[in-house]
Amino acid sequence: MICPQCEKTGQKSTVTPDAYTVSTLLSWSPGHYDQQGNYVEHANPNRVTQGFRCSNGHRFSATQGGK
């Protein structure tokens, strides 16, 4: 992972996870088998946002999942 602010200015840095993670907790079913026996996967609606900081003091977050 590269710090977006450092990337813009051409700086080098190391990135570490920050102290916070936020997640939605929506109920969902991972999938089911249809009448023909095919597995139908349901999209996971949950999102996870993780905070990061770089060695130059910048803070940023990245979100994964959800719709």
PDB file of N, CA and C in Angstrom:
ATOM      1  N   MET A   1       0.852  -1.173   0.000  1.00  0.00           N
ATOM      2  CA  MET A   1       0.000   0.000   0.000  1.00  0.00           C
ATOM      3  C   MET A   1       0.894   1.231   0.000  1.00  0.00           C
ATOM      4  N   ILE A   2       0.495   2.241  -0.748  1.00  0.00           N
ATOM      5  CA  ILE A   2       1.242   3.485  -0.866  1.00  0.00           C
ATOM      6  C   ILE A   2       0.369   4.632  -0.354  1.00  0.00           C
ATOM      7  N   CYS A   3       0.963   5.508   0.433  1.00  0.00           N
ATOM      8  CA  CYS A   3       0.257   6.682   0.928  1.00  0.00           C
ATOM      9  C   CYS A   3      -0.120   7.567  -0.256  1.00  0.00           C
ATOM     10  N   PRO A   4      -1.410   7.919  -0.416  1.00  0.00           N
ATOM     11  CA  PRO A   4      -1.822   8.728  -1.556  1.00  0.00           C
ATOM     12  C   PRO A   4      -1.168  10.113  -1.594  1.00  0.00           C
ATOM     13  N   GLN A   5      -0.949  10.724  -0.428  1.00  0.00           N
ATOM     14  CA  GLN A   5      -0.322  12.053  -0.390  1.00  0.00           C
ATOM     15  C   GLN A   5       1.156  11.980  -0.772  1.00  0.00           C
ATOM     16  N   CYS A   6       1.835  10.947  -0.304  1.00  0.00           N
ATOM     17  CA  CYS A   6       3.246  10.768  -0.663  1.00  0.00           C
ATOM     18  C   CYS A   6       3.381  10.449  -2.148  1.00  0.00           C
ATOM     19  N   GLU A   7       2.479   9.663  -2.667  1.00  0.00           N
ATOM     20  CA  GLU A   7       2.522   9.304  -4.085  1.00  0.00           C
ATOM     21  C   GLU A   7       2.393  10.554  -4.968  1.00  0.00           C
ATOM     22  N   LYS A   8       1.499  11.467  -4.576  1.00  0.00           N
ATOM     23  CA  LYS A   8       1.304  12.705  -5.349  1.00  0.00           C
ATOM     24  C   LYS A   8       2.554  13.578  -5.386  1.00  0.00           C
ATOM     25  N   THR A   9       3.289  13.594  -4.277  1.00  0.00           N
ATOM     26  CA  THR A   9       4.464  14.476  -4.189  1.00  0.00           C
ATOM     27  C   THR A   9       5.783  13.753  -4.459  1.00  0.00           C
ATOM     28  N   GLY A  10       5.715  12.459  -4.745  1.00  0.00           N
ATOM     29  CA  GLY A  10       6.921  11.695  -5.056  1.00  0.00           C
ATOM     30  C   GLY A  10       7.746  11.304  -3.843  1.00  0.00           C
ATOM     31  N   GLN A  11       7.164  11.391  -2.652  1.00  0.00           N
ATOM     32  CA  GLN A  11       7.872  11.012  -1.431  1.00  0.00           C
ATOM     33  C   GLN A  11       7.815   9.503  -1.244  1.00  0.00           C
ATOM     34  N   LYS A  12       8.759   8.979  -0.486  1.00  0.00           N
ATOM     35  CA  LYS A  12       8.770   7.573  -0.090  1.00  0.00           C
ATOM     36  C   LYS A  12       8.352   7.491   1.370  1.00  0.00           C
ATOM     37  N   SER A  13       7.612   6.446   1.730  1.00  0.00           N
ATOM     38  CA  SER A  13       7.206   6.265   3.126  1.00  0.00           C
ATOM     39  C   SER A  13       6.819   4.817   3.354  1.00  0.00           C
ATOM     40  N   THR A  14       6.729   4.462   4.619  1.00  0.00           N
ATOM     41  CA  THR A  14       6.177   3.162   4.990  1.00  0.00           C
ATOM     42  C   THR A  14       4.793   3.402   5.575  1.00  0.00           C
ATOM     43  N   VAL A  15       3.889   2.435   5.391  1.00  0.00           N
ATOM     44  CA  VAL A  15       2.499   2.576   5.839  1.00  0.00           C
ATOM     45  C   VAL A  15       2.194   1.516   6.887  1.00  0.00           C
ATOM     46  N   THR A  16       1.558   1.944   7.974  1.00  0.00           N
ATOM     47  CA  THR A  16       1.137   1.014   9.026  1.00  0.00           C
ATOM     48  C   THR A  16      -0.343   1.233   9.335  1.00  0.00           C
ATOM     49  N   PRO A  17      -1.039   0.175   9.762  1.00  0.00           N
ATOM     50  CA  PRO A  17      -2.444   0.335  10.144  1.00  0.00           C
ATOM     51  C   PRO A  17      -2.566   1.275  11.338  1.00  0.00           C
ATOM     52  N   ASP A  18      -3.577   2.115  11.305  1.00  0.00           N
ATOM     53  CA  ASP A  18      -3.850   3.031  12.409  1.00  0.00           C
ATOM     54  C   ASP A  18      -4.710   2.299  13.432  1.00  0.00           C
ATOM     55  N   ALA A  19      -5.108   2.989  14.472  1.00  0.00           N
ATOM     56  CA  ALA A  19      -5.814   2.370  15.593  1.00  0.00           C
ATOM     57  C   ALA A  19      -7.287   2.095  15.327  1.00  0.00           C
ATOM     58  N   TYR A  20      -7.846   2.508  14.181  1.00  0.00           N
ATOM     59  CA  TYR A  20      -9.279   2.316  14.036  1.00  0.00           C
ATOM     60  C   TYR A  20      -9.657   1.477  12.816  1.00  0.00           C
ATOM     61  N   THR A  21     -10.716   0.717  12.998  1.00  0.00           N
ATOM     62  CA  THR A  21     -11.368  -0.027  11.930  1.00  0.00           C
ATOM     63  C   THR A  21     -12.858   0.101  12.170  1.00  0.00           C
ATOM     64  N   VAL A  22     -13.619   0.406  11.125  1.00  0.00           N
ATOM     65  CA  VAL A  22     -15.064   0.542  11.227  1.00  0.00           C
ATOM     66  C   VAL A  22     -15.689  -0.443  10.256  1.00  0.00           C
ATOM     67  N   SER A  23     -16.709  -1.154  10.724  1.00  0.00           N
ATOM     68  CA  SER A  23     -17.379  -2.136   9.877  1.00  0.00           C
ATOM     69  C   SER A  23     -18.883  -2.028  10.050  1.00  0.00           C
ATOM     70  N   THR A  24     -19.615  -2.199   8.937  1.00  0.00           N
ATOM     71  CA  THR A  24     -21.065  -2.320   9.051  1.00  0.00           C
ATOM     72  C   THR A  24     -21.370  -3.763   9.441  1.00  0.00           C
ATOM     73  N   LEU A  25     -22.484  -3.979  10.056  1.00  0.00           N
ATOM     74  CA  LEU A  25     -22.832  -5.316  10.538  1.00  0.00           C
ATOM     75  C   LEU A  25     -24.200  -5.743  10.000  1.00  0.00           C
ATOM     76  N   LEU A  26     -24.353  -5.656   8.694  1.00  0.00           N
ATOM     77  CA  LEU A  26     -25.613  -6.055   8.078  1.00  0.00           C
ATOM     78  C   LEU A  26     -25.685  -7.573   7.956  1.00  0.00           C
ATOM     79  N   SER A  27     -26.836  -8.109   8.239  1.00  0.00           N
ATOM     80  CA  SER A  27     -27.037  -9.545   8.112  1.00  0.00           C
ATOM     81  C   SER A  27     -27.121  -9.912   6.628  1.00  0.00           C
ATOM     82  N   TRP A  28     -26.533 -11.048   6.268  1.00  0.00           N
ATOM     83  CA  TRP A  28     -26.607 -11.496   4.882  1.00  0.00           C
ATOM     84  C   TRP A  28     -26.373 -12.990   4.813  1.00  0.00           C
ATOM     85  N   SER A  29     -26.783 -13.582   3.754  1.00  0.00           N
ATOM     86  CA  SER A  29     -26.581 -15.004   3.512  1.00  0.00           C
ATOM     87  C   SER A  29     -25.531 -15.145   2.415  1.00  0.00           C
ATOM     88  N   PRO A  30     -24.508 -15.962   2.614  1.00  0.00           N
ATOM     89  CA  PRO A  30     -23.456 -16.061   1.611  1.00  0.00           C
ATOM     90  C   PRO A  30     -23.924 -16.661   0.283  1.00  0.00           C
ATOM     91  N   GLY A  31     -25.001 -17.400   0.277  1.00  0.00           N
ATOM     92  CA  GLY A  31     -25.493 -17.955  -0.980  1.00  0.00           C
ATOM     93  C   GLY A  31     -26.445 -19.123  -0.775  1.00  0.00           C
ATOM     94  N   HIS A  32     -26.855 -19.710  -1.900  1.00  0.00           N
ATOM     95  CA  HIS A  32     -27.747 -20.860  -1.854  1.00  0.00           C
ATOM     96  C   HIS A  32     -27.579 -21.677  -3.141  1.00  0.00           C
ATOM     97  N   TYR A  33     -28.134 -22.877  -3.153  1.00  0.00           N
ATOM     98  CA  TYR A  33     -28.134 -23.713  -4.346  1.00  0.00           C
ATOM     99  C   TYR A  33     -29.501 -23.608  -5.006  1.00  0.00           C
ATOM    100  N   ASP A  34     -29.510 -23.342  -6.306  1.00  0.00           N
ATOM    101  CA  ASP A  34     -30.790 -23.209  -7.012  1.00  0.00           C
ATOM    102  C   ASP A  34     -31.355 -24.589  -7.353  1.00  0.00           C
ATOM    103  N   GLN A  35     -32.484 -24.634  -8.055  1.00  0.00           N
ATOM    104  CA  GLN A  35     -33.170 -25.889  -8.359  1.00  0.00           C
ATOM    105  C   GLN A  35     -32.366 -26.802  -9.278  1.00  0.00           C
ATOM    106  N   GLN A  36     -31.396 -26.246 -10.002  1.00  0.00           N
ATOM    107  CA  GLN A  36     -30.546 -27.060 -10.857  1.00  0.00           C
ATOM    108  C   GLN A  36     -29.252 -27.495 -10.156  1.00  0.00           C
ATOM    109  N   GLY A  37     -29.110 -27.138  -8.900  1.00  0.00           N
ATOM    110  CA  GLY A  37     -27.935 -27.527  -8.127  1.00  0.00           C
ATOM    111  C   GLY A  37     -26.756 -26.587  -8.274  1.00  0.00           C
ATOM    112  N   ASN A  38     -26.956 -25.443  -8.912  1.00  0.00           N
ATOM    113  CA  ASN A  38     -25.890 -24.459  -9.077  1.00  0.00           C
ATOM    114  C   ASN A  38     -25.832 -23.536  -7.867  1.00  0.00           C
ATOM    115  N   TYR A  39     -24.610 -23.250  -7.420  1.00  0.00           N
ATOM    116  CA  TYR A  39     -24.448 -22.364  -6.277  1.00  0.00           C
ATOM    117  C   TYR A  39     -24.593 -20.921  -6.735  1.00  0.00           C
ATOM    118  N   VAL A  40     -25.445 -20.153  -6.057  1.00  0.00           N
ATOM    119  CA  VAL A  40     -25.674 -18.741  -6.357  1.00  0.00           C
ATOM    120  C   VAL A  40     -25.143 -17.948  -5.162  1.00  0.00           C
ATOM    121  N   GLU A  41     -24.077 -17.168  -5.410  1.00  0.00           N
ATOM    122  CA  GLU A  41     -23.457 -16.407  -4.333  1.00  0.00           C
ATOM    123  C   GLU A  41     -24.113 -15.037  -4.201  1.00  0.00           C
ATOM    124  N   HIS A  42     -24.410 -14.637  -2.972  1.00  0.00           N
ATOM    125  CA  HIS A  42     -24.987 -13.319  -2.701  1.00  0.00           C
ATOM    126  C   HIS A  42     -23.858 -12.354  -2.348  1.00  0.00           C
ATOM    127  N   ALA A  43     -23.949 -11.125  -2.829  1.00  0.00           N
ATOM    128  CA  ALA A  43     -22.937 -10.120  -2.525  1.00  0.00           C
ATOM    129  C   ALA A  43     -23.023  -9.719  -1.057  1.00  0.00           C
ATOM    130  N   ASN A  44     -21.888  -9.647  -0.399  1.00  0.00           N
ATOM    131  CA  ASN A  44     -21.821  -9.215   0.996  1.00  0.00           C
ATOM    132  C   ASN A  44     -21.986  -7.695   1.037  1.00  0.00           C
ATOM    133  N   PRO A  45     -23.026  -7.179   1.711  1.00  0.00           N
ATOM    134  CA  PRO A  45     -23.261  -5.734   1.742  1.00  0.00           C
ATOM    135  C   PRO A  45     -22.395  -4.987   2.756  1.00  0.00           C
ATOM    136  N   ASN A  46     -21.646  -5.719   3.570  1.00  0.00           N
ATOM    137  CA  ASN A  46     -20.864  -5.081   4.627  1.00  0.00           C
ATOM    138  C   ASN A  46     -19.615  -4.402   4.080  1.00  0.00           C
ATOM    139  N   ARG A  47     -19.279  -3.265   4.697  1.00  0.00           N
ATOM    140  CA  ARG A  47     -18.094  -2.501   4.324  1.00  0.00           C
ATOM    141  C   ARG A  47     -17.162  -2.414   5.522  1.00  0.00           C
ATOM    142  N   VAL A  48     -15.873  -2.493   5.259  1.00  0.00           N
ATOM    143  CA  VAL A  48     -14.861  -2.350   6.303  1.00  0.00           C
ATOM    144  C   VAL A  48     -13.966  -1.178   5.920  1.00  0.00           C
ATOM    145  N   THR A  49     -13.841  -0.209   6.829  1.00  0.00           N
ATOM    146  CA  THR A  49     -12.955   0.935   6.615  1.00  0.00           C
ATOM    147  C   THR A  49     -11.825   0.848   7.630  1.00  0.00           C
ATOM    148  N   GLN A  50     -10.595   0.837   7.128  1.00  0.00           N
ATOM    149  CA  GLN A  50      -9.397   0.739   7.967  1.00  0.00           C
ATOM    150  C   GLN A  50      -8.593   2.025   7.842  1.00  0.00           C
ATOM    151  N   GLY A  51      -8.135   2.539   8.958  1.00  0.00           N
ATOM    152  CA  GLY A  51      -7.291   3.725   8.956  1.00  0.00           C
ATOM    153  C   GLY A  51      -5.826   3.343   8.831  1.00  0.00           C
ATOM    154  N   PHE A  52      -5.039   4.218   8.204  1.00  0.00           N
ATOM    155  CA  PHE A  52      -3.609   4.004   8.033  1.00  0.00           C
ATOM    156  C   PHE A  52      -2.873   5.307   8.287  1.00  0.00           C
ATOM    157  N   ARG A  53      -1.585   5.187   8.561  1.00  0.00           N
ATOM    158  CA  ARG A  53      -0.717   6.362   8.651  1.00  0.00           C
ATOM    159  C   ARG A  53       0.630   6.008   8.043  1.00  0.00           C
ATOM    160  N   CYS A  54       1.271   7.022   7.511  1.00  0.00           N
ATOM    161  CA  CYS A  54       2.564   6.775   6.892  1.00  0.00           C
ATOM    162  C   CYS A  54       3.665   7.376   7.749  1.00  0.00           C
ATOM    163  N   SER A  55       4.897   7.024   7.422  1.00  0.00           N
ATOM    164  CA  SER A  55       6.046   7.483   8.203  1.00  0.00           C
ATOM    165  C   SER A  55       6.299   8.987   8.054  1.00  0.00           C
ATOM    166  N   ASN A  56       5.607   9.632   7.108  1.00  0.00           N
ATOM    167  CA  ASN A  56       5.713  11.089   6.963  1.00  0.00           C
ATOM    168  C   ASN A  56       4.593  11.825   7.705  1.00  0.00           C
ATOM    169  N   GLY A  57       3.776  11.094   8.461  1.00  0.00           N
ATOM    170  CA  GLY A  57       2.736  11.713   9.282  1.00  0.00           C
ATOM    171  C   GLY A  57       1.376  11.871   8.626  1.00  0.00           C
ATOM    172  N   HIS A  58       1.223  11.402   7.400  1.00  0.00           N
ATOM    173  CA  HIS A  58      -0.088  11.493   6.740  1.00  0.00           C
ATOM    174  C   HIS A  58      -1.008  10.400   7.250  1.00  0.00           C
ATOM    175  N   ARG A  59      -2.291  10.698   7.303  1.00  0.00           N
ATOM    176  CA  ARG A  59      -3.311   9.700   7.679  1.00  0.00           C
ATOM    177  C   ARG A  59      -4.316   9.588   6.547  1.00  0.00           C
ATOM    178  N   PHE A  60      -4.766   8.345   6.311  1.00  0.00           N
ATOM    179  CA  PHE A  60      -5.755   8.100   5.275  1.00  0.00           C
ATOM    180  C   PHE A  60      -6.488   6.812   5.606  1.00  0.00           C
ATOM    181  N   SER A  61      -7.546   6.538   4.880  1.00  0.00           N
ATOM    182  CA  SER A  61      -8.317   5.315   5.118  1.00  0.00           C
ATOM    183  C   SER A  61      -8.606   4.625   3.787  1.00  0.00           C
ATOM    184  N   ALA A  62      -8.917   3.339   3.890  1.00  0.00           N
ATOM    185  CA  ALA A  62      -9.276   2.536   2.720  1.00  0.00           C
ATOM    186  C   ALA A  62     -10.528   1.726   3.080  1.00  0.00           C
ATOM    187  N   THR A  63     -11.476   1.670   2.162  1.00  0.00           N
ATOM    188  CA  THR A  63     -12.722   0.931   2.380  1.00  0.00           C
ATOM    189  C   THR A  63     -12.796  -0.227   1.412  1.00  0.00           C
ATOM    190  N   GLN A  64     -13.215  -1.385   1.938  1.00  0.00           N
ATOM    191  CA  GLN A  64     -13.379  -2.576   1.107  1.00  0.00           C
ATOM    192  C   GLN A  64     -14.768  -3.130   1.289  1.00  0.00           C
ATOM    193  N   GLY A  65     -15.268  -3.778   0.256  1.00  0.00           N
ATOM    194  CA  GLY A  65     -16.535  -4.480   0.309  1.00  0.00           C
ATOM    195  C   GLY A  65     -17.739  -3.570   0.163  1.00  0.00           C
ATOM    196  N   GLY A  66     -18.897  -4.179   0.353  1.00  0.00           N
ATOM    197  CA  GLY A  66     -20.149  -3.438   0.274  1.00  0.00           C
ATOM    198  C   GLY A  66     -20.540  -3.035  -1.135  1.00  0.00           C
ATOM    199  N   LYS A  67     -21.709  -2.470  -1.215  1.00  0.00           N
ATOM    200  CA  LYS A  67     -22.200  -1.978  -2.492  1.00  0.00           C
ATOM    201  C   LYS A  67     -22.614  -0.540  -2.356  1.00  0.00           C
TER     202      LYS A  67
END
